[in-house]
Amino acid sequence: MISQTGDMPPNADAARTVRVAVCSRSFSKNLTLRAELLARYRHVTFNEAGVQLQGDALVAFLKGHEKAITALEVIDESILSRLPELKVIGKYGVGLDMIDLAAMRMHGKRLGWTGGVNRRSVSELVISSAIALLRQVPAANREVRAGIWRQHVGRNLTGRTVGIIGCGHVGKDLVSLLKAFECCILAHDIVEFPDFYALHGVESVGLDALLRRADIVTLHVPLNDSTRGLLNAERLALLKPEAVLINAARGGLVDERELKRMLLDKRLAAAAFDVFQEEPPQDQELLALPNFLATPHIGGSAQESMLAMGRAAIEGLDVNEVPNHDHTS
């Protein structure tokens, strides 16, 4: 973790003394984002060691800086109360569940955040996961590697019923991509989007109805008190045995232990998770299942999305308003 000095920032007088800390490991490794940030601010401390910052280590890293770029770091009252000099946080990434907005307001901290900048990379991961599971690619791949050569008969994505839980930025983008597959699309959200639904032929349904009818169920909601444990054992039981469940939103939305039991008992055909309640996940039995596809939180990790998220975070450092409401889908 070292500081780096940029040459001739555009607003030299303002940027000469402002100190910026970049907590994000991927931002710190990205040469393009580093250069663009250093073009604006003269004194920047990057997370060169590539360590996950939390608690006292996070406070120590942020001390002495007026602005910061954070990603998956937990920013709460215990952190903010010890950083009186920190004025602004630019959020790298779209989820806000790691930031205590009430504590931000209480301490007068400003938050720069732009929603949906990684929507295409998440949508494409969801579609790739759906196709892989419908065609039994993970199981077939393991067998070939083990010297077993047998054909798996899968199913097409084309013509399937897809249930989207949360029709915000990613959900809407997913709708546009699924049109090419002639899918029947169901959507459930706490907010209604009648014009969008009518334009794209989306059917708005209740959560239970969506779970009962969909061949593929995909989650795209934030993690908060209203969504934590959203798919508990009772709701998971509503899924069809031939259904596929995808979570590329947030860990903690699904009861992972009940999910494992359903996959083992063939009460659910398959599942793909990019996010977990505990990361990295420790349930090796779940990870070893042939009908379970796990990826290491890479939904927003396409090169294009990383640049978009990074540039939004840089712009966010210039925000002038304290957050005045909680994030919803």
Protein backbone atom coordinates (compact mmCIF):
# COMPACT_ATOMS: atom_id res chain seq x y z
CA MET A 1 0.00 0.00 0.00
CA ILE A 2 1.85 3.08 -1.24
CA SER A 3 0.98 6.58 -2.36
CA GLN A 4 1.50 7.69 -5.92
CA THR A 5 1.71 11.23 -7.22
CA GLY A 6 0.09 12.22 -10.50
CA ASP A 7 1.34 14.78 -12.97
CA MET A 8 -0.53 18.01 -13.71
CA PRO A 9 -4.12 17.25 -12.64
CA PRO A 10 -6.72 19.34 -14.49
CA ASN A 11 -7.85 21.25 -11.40
CA ALA A 12 -4.38 21.55 -9.92
CA ASP A 13 -5.22 23.95 -7.11
CA ALA A 14 -8.00 21.75 -5.70
CA ALA A 15 -6.32 18.43 -6.37
CA ARG A 16 -2.86 19.39 -5.11
CA THR A 17 -3.69 18.83 -1.45
CA VAL A 18 -6.66 16.43 -1.54
CA ARG A 19 -5.68 12.91 -0.60
CA VAL A 20 -7.53 9.93 -2.06
CA ALA A 21 -7.41 6.33 -0.84
CA VAL A 22 -8.35 3.45 -3.17
CA CYS A 23 -9.40 0.43 -1.12
CA SER A 24 -10.47 -1.69 -4.08
CA ARG A 25 -7.93 -4.27 -5.13
CA SER A 26 -9.10 -4.58 -8.73
CA PHE A 27 -9.22 -0.79 -9.20
CA SER A 28 -5.70 -0.54 -7.78
CA LYS A 29 -4.42 -3.08 -10.32
CA ASN A 30 -6.10 -1.46 -13.31
CA LEU A 31 -3.56 0.71 -15.12
CA THR A 32 -6.20 2.66 -17.06
CA LEU A 33 -8.20 3.58 -13.95
CA ARG A 34 -5.05 4.46 -12.03
CA ALA A 35 -3.97 6.85 -14.77
CA GLU A 36 -7.40 8.49 -15.01
CA LEU A 37 -7.61 8.98 -11.24
CA LEU A 38 -4.07 10.39 -11.07
CA ALA A 39 -4.98 12.82 -13.84
CA ARG A 40 -7.48 14.37 -11.42
CA TYR A 41 -5.83 13.97 -8.02
CA ARG A 42 -2.21 14.46 -7.17
CA HIS A 43 -1.97 12.31 -4.02
CA VAL A 44 -3.47 8.84 -4.25
CA THR A 45 -2.88 5.82 -2.03
CA PHE A 46 -3.58 2.54 -3.82
CA ASN A 47 -4.10 -0.87 -2.23
CA GLU A 48 -0.86 -2.16 -3.71
CA ALA A 49 -0.68 -5.17 -1.40
CA GLY A 50 -3.98 -6.48 -2.74
CA VAL A 51 -5.29 -7.30 0.74
CA GLN A 52 -8.90 -7.32 1.87
CA LEU A 53 -9.29 -4.32 4.15
CA GLN A 54 -11.60 -4.49 7.14
CA GLY A 55 -11.89 -3.20 10.68
CA ASP A 56 -8.79 -1.58 12.13
CA ALA A 57 -6.77 -2.22 8.97
CA LEU A 58 -9.38 -0.39 6.91
CA VAL A 59 -9.37 2.57 9.30
CA ALA A 60 -5.56 2.71 9.21
CA PHE A 61 -5.58 2.67 5.41
CA LEU A 62 -8.17 5.45 5.15
CA LYS A 63 -6.72 7.73 7.84
CA GLY A 64 -5.37 11.01 6.53
CA HIS A 65 -7.49 10.91 3.35
CA GLU A 66 -10.37 13.24 2.48
CA LYS A 67 -11.76 10.99 -0.26
CA ALA A 68 -11.91 7.25 -0.84
CA ILE A 69 -12.94 4.70 -3.43
CA THR A 70 -14.41 1.56 -1.87
CA ALA A 71 -15.81 -1.68 -3.29
CA LEU A 72 -16.66 -4.62 -1.00
CA GLU A 73 -15.27 -3.02 2.16
CA VAL A 74 -17.75 -2.72 5.03
CA ILE A 75 -18.22 0.98 5.81
CA ASP A 76 -20.26 1.36 8.99
CA GLU A 77 -20.47 3.46 12.13
CA SER A 78 -17.41 1.81 13.70
CA ILE A 79 -15.35 2.87 10.67
CA LEU A 80 -16.80 6.31 9.96
CA SER A 81 -16.68 7.48 13.59
CA ARG A 82 -12.89 7.18 13.51
CA LEU A 83 -12.39 9.04 10.23
CA PRO A 84 -13.42 12.67 10.78
CA GLU A 85 -11.26 13.86 7.89
CA LEU A 86 -12.95 11.55 5.35
CA LYS A 87 -15.55 13.56 3.43
CA VAL A 88 -16.50 11.60 0.30
CA ILE A 89 -16.73 7.97 -0.79
CA GLY A 90 -16.91 7.03 -4.47
CA LYS A 91 -18.47 3.57 -4.77
CA TYR A 92 -16.75 1.13 -7.13
CA GLY A 93 -19.52 -1.33 -7.98
CA VAL A 94 -23.29 -1.15 -7.86
CA GLY A 95 -24.27 -2.73 -4.53
CA LEU A 96 -24.66 -0.51 -1.48
CA ASP A 97 -25.28 -3.20 1.13
CA MET A 98 -21.68 -2.81 2.39
CA ILE A 99 -22.25 0.86 3.26
CA ASP A 100 -24.30 2.01 6.25
CA LEU A 101 -26.17 4.92 4.69
CA ALA A 102 -27.64 6.03 8.02
CA ALA A 103 -24.12 6.30 9.47
CA MET A 104 -23.02 8.20 6.36
CA ARG A 105 -25.82 10.71 6.91
CA MET A 106 -25.12 10.98 10.63
CA HIS A 107 -21.48 11.83 10.03
CA GLY A 108 -22.18 14.10 7.05
CA LYS A 109 -20.22 11.94 4.61
CA ARG A 110 -21.01 12.24 0.90
CA LEU A 111 -21.53 9.23 -1.36
CA GLY A 112 -20.94 9.08 -5.11
CA TRP A 113 -22.69 6.09 -6.63
CA THR A 114 -24.09 5.19 -10.06
CA GLY A 115 -26.45 2.23 -10.43
CA GLY A 116 -26.45 -0.25 -13.27
CA VAL A 117 -23.03 0.40 -14.79
CA ASN A 118 -22.18 -3.33 -14.76
CA ARG A 119 -25.58 -4.58 -15.91
CA ARG A 120 -24.48 -6.08 -19.22
CA SER A 121 -21.69 -8.19 -17.73
CA VAL A 122 -24.06 -9.56 -15.06
CA SER A 123 -26.78 -10.26 -17.64
CA GLU A 124 -24.39 -12.15 -19.89
CA LEU A 125 -23.12 -14.23 -16.96
CA VAL A 126 -26.71 -15.16 -16.08
CA ILE A 127 -27.45 -16.28 -19.63
CA SER A 128 -24.21 -18.24 -19.87
CA SER A 129 -25.00 -19.95 -16.54
CA ALA A 130 -28.54 -20.78 -17.62
CA ILE A 131 -27.38 -22.35 -20.88
CA ALA A 132 -24.57 -24.25 -19.16
CA LEU A 133 -26.92 -25.78 -16.60
CA LEU A 134 -29.72 -26.54 -19.03
CA ARG A 135 -27.20 -28.37 -21.24
CA GLN A 136 -25.57 -30.01 -18.16
CA VAL A 137 -22.17 -28.58 -19.10
CA PRO A 138 -20.62 -28.68 -15.57
CA ALA A 139 -21.49 -32.38 -15.10
CA ALA A 140 -20.37 -33.30 -18.62
CA ASN A 141 -17.10 -31.44 -18.20
CA ARG A 142 -16.29 -33.25 -14.95
CA GLU A 143 -16.99 -36.62 -16.54
CA VAL A 144 -14.78 -35.98 -19.57
CA ARG A 145 -11.94 -34.90 -17.28
CA ALA A 146 -12.45 -38.13 -15.32
CA GLY A 147 -12.22 -40.24 -18.46
CA ILE A 148 -15.96 -40.82 -18.83
CA TRP A 149 -17.37 -40.28 -22.33
CA ARG A 150 -21.15 -40.17 -22.47
CA GLN A 151 -23.61 -37.78 -23.99
CA HIS A 152 -25.85 -35.67 -21.78
CA VAL A 153 -29.25 -34.76 -23.17
CA GLY A 154 -30.08 -31.26 -22.02
CA ARG A 155 -32.63 -28.57 -22.77
CA ASN A 156 -32.57 -25.34 -24.79
CA LEU A 157 -32.97 -21.91 -23.26
CA THR A 158 -35.10 -20.95 -26.25
CA GLY A 159 -38.79 -20.95 -25.40
CA ARG A 160 -38.28 -21.42 -21.63
CA THR A 161 -40.11 -19.45 -18.98
CA VAL A 162 -37.68 -17.18 -17.13
CA GLY A 163 -38.62 -15.61 -13.81
CA ILE A 164 -36.72 -12.42 -12.91
CA ILE A 165 -36.86 -11.43 -9.25
CA GLY A 166 -35.99 -7.73 -9.21
CA CYS A 167 -36.46 -5.84 -12.46
CA GLY A 168 -34.05 -2.97 -11.89
CA HIS A 169 -31.02 -2.18 -14.05
CA VAL A 170 -29.83 -5.78 -14.48
CA GLY A 171 -33.32 -7.26 -14.66
CA LYS A 172 -34.33 -4.92 -17.47
CA ASP A 173 -31.12 -5.56 -19.37
CA LEU A 174 -31.66 -9.30 -19.03
CA VAL A 175 -35.16 -8.90 -20.51
CA SER A 176 -33.68 -7.29 -23.62
CA LEU A 177 -31.20 -10.14 -24.11
CA LEU A 178 -33.75 -12.89 -23.51
CA LYS A 179 -35.96 -11.63 -26.33
CA ALA A 180 -33.56 -13.28 -28.79
CA PHE A 181 -34.34 -16.63 -27.12
CA GLU A 182 -38.11 -16.19 -27.43
CA CYS A 183 -38.53 -16.72 -23.71
CA CYS A 184 -41.70 -16.17 -21.73
CA ILE A 185 -40.60 -13.64 -19.11
CA LEU A 186 -42.13 -13.26 -15.66
CA ALA A 187 -41.05 -10.46 -13.33
CA HIS A 188 -41.53 -9.71 -9.65
CA ASP A 189 -40.47 -6.44 -8.04
CA ILE A 190 -41.66 -4.24 -5.18
CA VAL A 191 -41.83 -1.46 -7.79
CA GLU A 192 -44.10 -1.80 -10.82
CA PHE A 193 -42.83 -0.93 -14.30
CA PRO A 194 -46.03 -1.19 -16.38
CA ASP A 195 -44.72 0.72 -19.41
CA PHE A 196 -41.55 -1.36 -19.60
CA TYR A 197 -43.47 -4.60 -19.08
CA ALA A 198 -45.98 -3.72 -21.80
CA LEU A 199 -43.25 -2.73 -24.25
CA HIS A 200 -41.32 -5.98 -23.80
CA GLY A 201 -44.15 -8.43 -23.19
CA VAL A 202 -43.19 -9.10 -19.56
CA GLU A 203 -45.80 -10.53 -17.19
CA SER A 204 -45.78 -9.05 -13.69
CA VAL A 205 -46.57 -11.74 -11.11
CA GLY A 206 -46.37 -12.39 -7.39
CA LEU A 207 -43.24 -14.05 -6.01
CA ASP A 208 -44.90 -17.39 -5.26
CA ALA A 209 -46.45 -17.57 -8.72
CA LEU A 210 -43.10 -16.82 -10.33
CA LEU A 211 -41.38 -19.58 -8.38
CA ARG A 212 -44.06 -22.12 -9.31
CA ARG A 213 -44.10 -21.31 -13.04
CA ALA A 214 -40.53 -20.49 -14.06
CA ASP A 215 -38.08 -22.91 -15.65
CA ILE A 216 -35.22 -20.54 -14.78
CA VAL A 217 -35.35 -18.24 -11.75
CA THR A 218 -32.75 -15.49 -11.49
CA LEU A 219 -32.26 -13.05 -8.60
CA HIS A 220 -31.50 -9.35 -9.08
CA VAL A 221 -32.34 -7.60 -5.82
CA PRO A 222 -30.15 -5.82 -3.26
CA LEU A 223 -29.44 -7.39 0.11
CA ASN A 224 -31.31 -5.61 2.90
CA ASP A 225 -33.67 -6.43 5.75
CA SER A 226 -36.56 -7.09 3.35
CA THR A 227 -34.64 -9.45 1.05
CA ARG A 228 -32.33 -11.34 3.42
CA GLY A 229 -33.38 -15.00 3.28
CA LEU A 230 -35.89 -14.16 0.55
CA LEU A 231 -35.76 -17.70 -0.82
CA ASN A 232 -36.10 -19.69 2.39
CA ALA A 233 -36.96 -23.39 2.57
CA GLU A 234 -40.67 -22.71 2.18
CA ARG A 235 -40.23 -20.64 -0.98
CA LEU A 236 -37.57 -22.91 -2.46
CA ALA A 237 -40.06 -25.76 -2.18
CA LEU A 238 -42.29 -23.95 -4.69
CA LEU A 239 -39.75 -24.41 -7.48
CA LYS A 240 -40.37 -27.09 -10.09
CA PRO A 241 -38.05 -30.13 -9.85
CA GLU A 242 -36.77 -29.36 -13.37
CA ALA A 243 -36.11 -25.68 -12.57
CA VAL A 244 -32.76 -23.89 -12.53
CA LEU A 245 -31.95 -21.25 -9.90
CA ILE A 246 -29.37 -18.51 -10.52
CA ASN A 247 -28.05 -16.00 -7.99
CA ALA A 248 -25.72 -13.35 -9.38
CA ALA A 249 -27.01 -10.64 -7.05
CA ARG A 250 -25.99 -10.97 -3.40
CA GLY A 251 -25.18 -13.76 -0.98
CA GLY A 252 -27.70 -14.15 1.82
CA LEU A 253 -30.77 -14.07 -0.42
CA VAL A 254 -31.07 -17.87 -0.52
CA ASP A 255 -31.00 -20.57 2.17
CA GLU A 256 -27.89 -22.34 0.90
CA ARG A 257 -28.24 -25.38 3.17
CA GLU A 258 -31.78 -26.07 1.96
CA LEU A 259 -30.63 -25.48 -1.61
CA LYS A 260 -27.99 -28.18 -1.18
CA ARG A 261 -30.54 -30.64 0.15
CA MET A 262 -32.83 -29.97 -2.80
CA LEU A 263 -30.02 -30.48 -5.32
CA LEU A 264 -28.98 -33.72 -3.61
CA ASP A 265 -32.55 -35.03 -3.50
CA LYS A 266 -33.24 -34.06 -7.14
CA ARG A 267 -35.98 -31.70 -6.00
CA LEU A 268 -34.23 -29.01 -8.05
CA ALA A 269 -32.46 -29.67 -11.33
CA ALA A 270 -29.53 -27.27 -10.95
CA ALA A 271 -28.28 -23.97 -9.55
CA ALA A 272 -25.59 -21.42 -10.37
CA PHE A 273 -24.27 -19.02 -7.74
CA ASP A 274 -21.81 -16.18 -8.28
CA VAL A 275 -22.34 -14.87 -4.74
CA PHE A 276 -22.50 -16.58 -1.36
CA GLN A 277 -23.46 -15.76 2.21
CA GLU A 278 -19.84 -16.39 3.16
CA GLU A 279 -17.15 -15.62 0.60
CA PRO A 280 -15.24 -17.67 -0.24
CA PRO A 281 -17.85 -20.40 0.44
CA GLN A 282 -16.84 -23.19 2.81
CA ASP A 283 -19.47 -25.84 2.02
CA GLN A 284 -17.37 -28.24 -0.05
CA GLU A 285 -20.25 -30.69 -0.39
CA LEU A 286 -22.33 -28.05 -2.14
CA LEU A 287 -19.45 -26.97 -4.36
CA ALA A 288 -18.75 -30.56 -5.41
CA LEU A 289 -22.27 -31.26 -6.68
CA PRO A 290 -22.35 -31.92 -10.44
CA ASN A 291 -25.55 -29.87 -10.80
CA PHE A 292 -24.12 -26.81 -9.06
CA LEU A 293 -22.08 -24.14 -10.87
CA ALA A 294 -20.05 -21.77 -8.69
CA THR A 295 -18.14 -18.67 -9.77
CA PRO A 296 -16.13 -16.32 -7.51
CA HIS A 297 -18.25 -13.13 -7.57
CA ILE A 298 -17.32 -12.24 -11.14
CA GLY A 299 -20.67 -10.82 -12.27
CA GLY A 300 -19.25 -7.32 -12.73
CA SER A 301 -15.71 -8.37 -13.59
CA ALA A 302 -15.77 -8.00 -17.36
CA GLN A 303 -13.13 -5.54 -18.55
CA GLU A 304 -15.77 -3.19 -19.93
CA SER A 305 -17.77 -3.17 -16.71
CA MET A 306 -14.72 -2.65 -14.52
CA LEU A 307 -13.81 0.47 -16.50
CA ALA A 308 -17.39 1.75 -16.30
CA MET A 309 -17.57 1.13 -12.54
CA GLY A 310 -14.16 2.69 -11.98
CA ARG A 311 -15.00 5.83 -13.95
CA ALA A 312 -18.30 6.14 -12.08
CA ALA A 313 -16.39 5.90 -8.79
CA ILE A 314 -13.96 8.62 -9.91
CA GLU A 315 -16.86 10.88 -10.86
CA GLY A 316 -18.43 10.06 -7.51
CA LEU A 317 -15.54 11.67 -5.67
CA ASP A 318 -16.92 15.06 -6.75
CA VAL A 319 -20.44 14.53 -5.38
CA ASN A 320 -21.77 17.29 -3.13
CA GLU A 321 -24.78 15.64 -1.49
CA VAL A 322 -25.11 13.44 1.57
CA PRO A 323 -27.17 10.27 0.77
CA ASN A 324 -30.78 10.91 1.77
CA HIS A 325 -32.43 7.51 1.16
CA ASP A 326 -31.69 3.80 1.26
CA HIS A 327 -30.97 1.85 -1.91
CA THR A 328 -33.75 -0.29 -3.34
CA SER A 329 -34.04 -2.41 -6.45
